[in-house]
Amino acid sequence: MVALNIEPTEITPCVKLNAETGLFIIEGKTLPENVNFFYEPILIWLNEYITNPKENTILEVKLEYINTASSKAIFSVFLKLEKLVNKGKTAKIKWFYADDDEDMKDVGEEYADVIKVPFEQIEFKAED
């Protein structure tokens, strides 16, 4: 399965989905004008991955900003990982947030409360 790599823009995150390693990364800002247009290829790729996943899958999410529409799309990504767990595979979400960004910390906590995938909140030092 070919990896999915999407370069970041001012309004969309960097996305790296690697089926060979089971490591997925979403990083940057996510506030695209058309959320469905941006996230649809990601969700389609994940649907294919779920048919033949690695034993262990890790999703690292490090967002500077997320709008409401994107938060729903990210939740859809998390639900795909939940399907892996339901199939007996191991999946984990690592949610990175800057030590000075309470909003992103809170968003991660909200996801952690509702998603049935091991969820790790990781604080990092914000750049000055």
C-alpha atoms as a PDB file:
ATOM      1  CA  MET A   1       0.000   0.000   0.000  1.00  0.00           C
ATOM      2  CA  VAL A   2       1.389   3.374  -1.035  1.00  0.00           C
ATOM      3  CA  ALA A   3       2.000   5.891   1.738  1.00  0.00           C
ATOM      4  CA  LEU A   4      -0.125   9.030   1.786  1.00  0.00           C
ATOM      5  CA  ASN A   5       1.850  12.254   2.143  1.00  0.00           C
ATOM      6  CA  ILE A   6       0.204  15.674   2.054  1.00  0.00           C
ATOM      7  CA  GLU A   7       2.357  18.774   2.287  1.00  0.00           C
ATOM      8  CA  PRO A   8       1.199  21.458   4.731  1.00  0.00           C
ATOM      9  CA  THR A   9      -0.218  24.832   3.747  1.00  0.00           C
ATOM     10  CA  GLU A  10      -1.199  27.879   5.774  1.00  0.00           C
ATOM     11  CA  ILE A  11      -4.607  26.268   6.410  1.00  0.00           C
ATOM     12  CA  THR A  12      -3.993  22.516   6.179  1.00  0.00           C
ATOM     13  CA  PRO A  13      -1.722  20.182   8.145  1.00  0.00           C
ATOM     14  CA  CYS A  14       1.125  17.976   7.058  1.00  0.00           C
ATOM     15  CA  VAL A  15      -0.212  14.428   6.815  1.00  0.00           C
ATOM     16  CA  LYS A  16       2.005  11.346   6.644  1.00  0.00           C
ATOM     17  CA  LEU A  17       0.345   7.939   6.653  1.00  0.00           C
ATOM     18  CA  ASN A  18       2.756   5.035   6.298  1.00  0.00           C
ATOM     19  CA  ALA A  19       1.228   1.572   6.021  1.00  0.00           C
ATOM     20  CA  GLU A  20       4.647  -0.120   6.161  1.00  0.00           C
ATOM     21  CA  THR A  21       5.512   1.279   9.592  1.00  0.00           C
ATOM     22  CA  GLY A  22       2.024   1.867  10.989  1.00  0.00           C
ATOM     23  CA  LEU A  23       3.079   5.407  11.947  1.00  0.00           C
ATOM     24  CA  PHE A  24       0.703   8.202  11.046  1.00  0.00           C
ATOM     25  CA  ILE A  25       1.384  11.925  11.602  1.00  0.00           C
ATOM     26  CA  ILE A  26      -0.917  14.932  11.386  1.00  0.00           C
ATOM     27  CA  GLU A  27       0.849  18.205  12.185  1.00  0.00           C
ATOM     28  CA  GLY A  28       0.235  21.914  11.721  1.00  0.00           C
ATOM     29  CA  LYS A  29      -2.939  23.944  11.378  1.00  0.00           C
ATOM     30  CA  THR A  30      -6.248  22.564  10.187  1.00  0.00           C
ATOM     31  CA  LEU A  31      -8.818  25.076   9.030  1.00  0.00           C
ATOM     32  CA  PRO A  32      -9.457  24.239   5.379  1.00  0.00           C
ATOM     33  CA  GLU A  33     -12.351  25.965   3.642  1.00  0.00           C
ATOM     34  CA  ASN A  34     -13.692  22.603   2.484  1.00  0.00           C
ATOM     35  CA  VAL A  35     -12.991  20.116   5.261  1.00  0.00           C
ATOM     36  CA  ASN A  36     -14.573  17.185   3.438  1.00  0.00           C
ATOM     37  CA  PHE A  37     -12.434  17.796   0.350  1.00  0.00           C
ATOM     38  CA  PHE A  38      -9.254  17.778   2.446  1.00  0.00           C
ATOM     39  CA  TYR A  39     -10.041  14.850   4.766  1.00  0.00           C
ATOM     40  CA  GLU A  40     -11.862  12.540   2.339  1.00  0.00           C
ATOM     41  CA  PRO A  41      -8.659  11.084   0.792  1.00  0.00           C
ATOM     42  CA  ILE A  42      -7.307  10.492   4.306  1.00  0.00           C
ATOM     43  CA  LEU A  43     -10.431   8.624   5.382  1.00  0.00           C
ATOM     44  CA  ILE A  44     -10.468   6.587   2.156  1.00  0.00           C
ATOM     45  CA  TRP A  45      -6.791   5.668   2.682  1.00  0.00           C
ATOM     46  CA  LEU A  46      -7.533   4.634   6.274  1.00  0.00           C
ATOM     47  CA  ASN A  47     -10.444   2.455   5.127  1.00  0.00           C
ATOM     48  CA  GLU A  48      -8.043   0.581   2.866  1.00  0.00           C
ATOM     49  CA  TYR A  49      -5.404   0.360   5.613  1.00  0.00           C
ATOM     50  CA  ILE A  50      -7.929  -1.181   8.015  1.00  0.00           C
ATOM     51  CA  THR A  51      -8.370  -4.135   5.642  1.00  0.00           C
ATOM     52  CA  ASN A  52      -4.721  -5.150   6.167  1.00  0.00           C
ATOM     53  CA  PRO A  53      -3.240  -3.180   9.071  1.00  0.00           C
ATOM     54  CA  LYS A  54       0.018  -3.533  10.955  1.00  0.00           C
ATOM     55  CA  GLU A  55      -0.207  -5.167  14.363  1.00  0.00           C
ATOM     56  CA  ASN A  56       0.606  -1.791  15.967  1.00  0.00           C
ATOM     57  CA  THR A  57      -0.548   1.588  14.677  1.00  0.00           C
ATOM     58  CA  ILE A  58       0.412   4.944  16.165  1.00  0.00           C
ATOM     59  CA  LEU A  59      -1.138   8.265  15.241  1.00  0.00           C
ATOM     60  CA  GLU A  60       0.792  11.362  16.324  1.00  0.00           C
ATOM     61  CA  VAL A  61      -1.258  14.561  16.259  1.00  0.00           C
ATOM     62  CA  LYS A  62       0.498  17.879  16.814  1.00  0.00           C
ATOM     63  CA  LEU A  63      -1.828  20.706  15.888  1.00  0.00           C
ATOM     64  CA  GLU A  64      -1.291  24.419  16.414  1.00  0.00           C
ATOM     65  CA  TYR A  65      -4.891  25.219  15.582  1.00  0.00           C
ATOM     66  CA  ILE A  66      -8.063  23.297  14.784  1.00  0.00           C
ATOM     67  CA  ASN A  67     -11.421  24.727  13.732  1.00  0.00           C
ATOM     68  CA  THR A  68     -14.767  23.149  14.580  1.00  0.00           C
ATOM     69  CA  ALA A  69     -15.296  21.464  11.211  1.00  0.00           C
ATOM     70  CA  SER A  70     -11.788  19.999  11.311  1.00  0.00           C
ATOM     71  CA  SER A  71     -12.314  18.690  14.838  1.00  0.00           C
ATOM     72  CA  LYS A  72     -15.168  16.561  13.508  1.00  0.00           C
ATOM     73  CA  ALA A  73     -12.962  15.269  10.698  1.00  0.00           C
ATOM     74  CA  ILE A  74     -10.144  14.452  13.126  1.00  0.00           C
ATOM     75  CA  PHE A  75     -12.690  12.580  15.240  1.00  0.00           C
ATOM     76  CA  SER A  76     -13.581  10.545  12.127  1.00  0.00           C
ATOM     77  CA  VAL A  77      -9.886   9.663  11.790  1.00  0.00           C
ATOM     78  CA  PHE A  78      -9.855   8.554  15.427  1.00  0.00           C
ATOM     79  CA  LEU A  79     -12.903   6.367  14.806  1.00  0.00           C
ATOM     80  CA  LYS A  80     -10.950   4.552  12.084  1.00  0.00           C
ATOM     81  CA  LEU A  81      -8.321   3.679  14.690  1.00  0.00           C
ATOM     82  CA  GLU A  82     -11.092   2.515  16.992  1.00  0.00           C
ATOM     83  CA  LYS A  83     -12.040  -0.010  14.289  1.00  0.00           C
ATOM     84  CA  LEU A  84      -8.483  -1.386  14.471  1.00  0.00           C
ATOM     85  CA  VAL A  85      -8.801  -1.872  18.216  1.00  0.00           C
ATOM     86  CA  ASN A  86     -12.149  -3.587  17.691  1.00  0.00           C
ATOM     87  CA  LYS A  87     -10.378  -5.979  15.267  1.00  0.00           C
ATOM     88  CA  GLY A  88      -7.893  -6.933  17.988  1.00  0.00           C
ATOM     89  CA  LYS A  89      -5.028  -4.772  16.735  1.00  0.00           C
ATOM     90  CA  THR A  90      -3.081  -2.314  18.863  1.00  0.00           C
ATOM     91  CA  ALA A  91      -3.556   1.379  18.161  1.00  0.00           C
ATOM     92  CA  LYS A  92      -2.524   4.478  20.059  1.00  0.00           C
ATOM     93  CA  ILE A  93      -3.107   8.192  19.661  1.00  0.00           C
ATOM     94  CA  LYS A  94      -0.400  10.591  20.821  1.00  0.00           C
ATOM     95  CA  TRP A  95      -1.815  14.101  21.208  1.00  0.00           C
ATOM     96  CA  PHE A  96       0.927  16.725  21.418  1.00  0.00           C
ATOM     97  CA  TYR A  97       0.193  20.198  22.760  1.00  0.00           C
ATOM     98  CA  ALA A  98       2.366  23.192  23.628  1.00  0.00           C
ATOM     99  CA  ASP A  99       2.784  23.913  27.325  1.00  0.00           C
ATOM    100  CA  ASP A 100       1.232  27.354  26.799  1.00  0.00           C
ATOM    101  CA  ASP A 101      -1.800  26.099  24.826  1.00  0.00           C
ATOM    102  CA  GLU A 102      -4.593  25.184  27.231  1.00  0.00           C
ATOM    103  CA  ASP A 103      -7.120  25.067  24.379  1.00  0.00           C
ATOM    104  CA  MET A 104      -5.321  22.257  22.542  1.00  0.00           C
ATOM    105  CA  LYS A 105      -4.802  20.427  25.826  1.00  0.00           C
ATOM    106  CA  ASP A 106      -8.552  20.668  26.495  1.00  0.00           C
ATOM    107  CA  VAL A 107      -9.417  19.475  22.980  1.00  0.00           C
ATOM    108  CA  GLY A 108      -7.203  16.435  23.520  1.00  0.00           C
ATOM    109  CA  GLU A 109      -8.878  15.709  26.843  1.00  0.00           C
ATOM    110  CA  GLU A 110     -12.302  15.870  25.194  1.00  0.00           C
ATOM    111  CA  TYR A 111     -11.227  13.380  22.531  1.00  0.00           C
ATOM    112  CA  ALA A 112      -9.656  11.108  25.148  1.00  0.00           C
ATOM    113  CA  ASP A 113     -12.953  10.994  27.047  1.00  0.00           C
ATOM    114  CA  VAL A 114     -14.971   9.689  24.094  1.00  0.00           C
ATOM    115  CA  ILE A 115     -12.612   7.684  21.900  1.00  0.00           C
ATOM    116  CA  LYS A 116     -11.966   4.035  22.716  1.00  0.00           C
ATOM    117  CA  VAL A 117      -8.311   4.029  21.683  1.00  0.00           C
ATOM    118  CA  PRO A 118      -5.413   4.427  24.117  1.00  0.00           C
ATOM    119  CA  PHE A 119      -4.803   8.172  24.164  1.00  0.00           C
ATOM    120  CA  GLU A 120      -1.635   9.830  25.428  1.00  0.00           C
ATOM    121  CA  GLN A 121      -1.422  13.569  26.035  1.00  0.00           C
ATOM    122  CA  ILE A 122       2.140  14.836  25.550  1.00  0.00           C
ATOM    123  CA  GLU A 123       3.114  18.354  26.554  1.00  0.00           C
ATOM    124  CA  PHE A 124       6.056  20.007  24.827  1.00  0.00           C
ATOM    125  CA  LYS A 125       7.859  23.307  25.366  1.00  0.00           C
ATOM    126  CA  ALA A 126       6.416  26.018  23.159  1.00  0.00           C
ATOM    127  CA  GLU A 127       8.827  27.818  20.869  1.00  0.00           C
ATOM    128  CA  ASP A 128       9.330  31.496  21.665  1.00  0.00           C
END
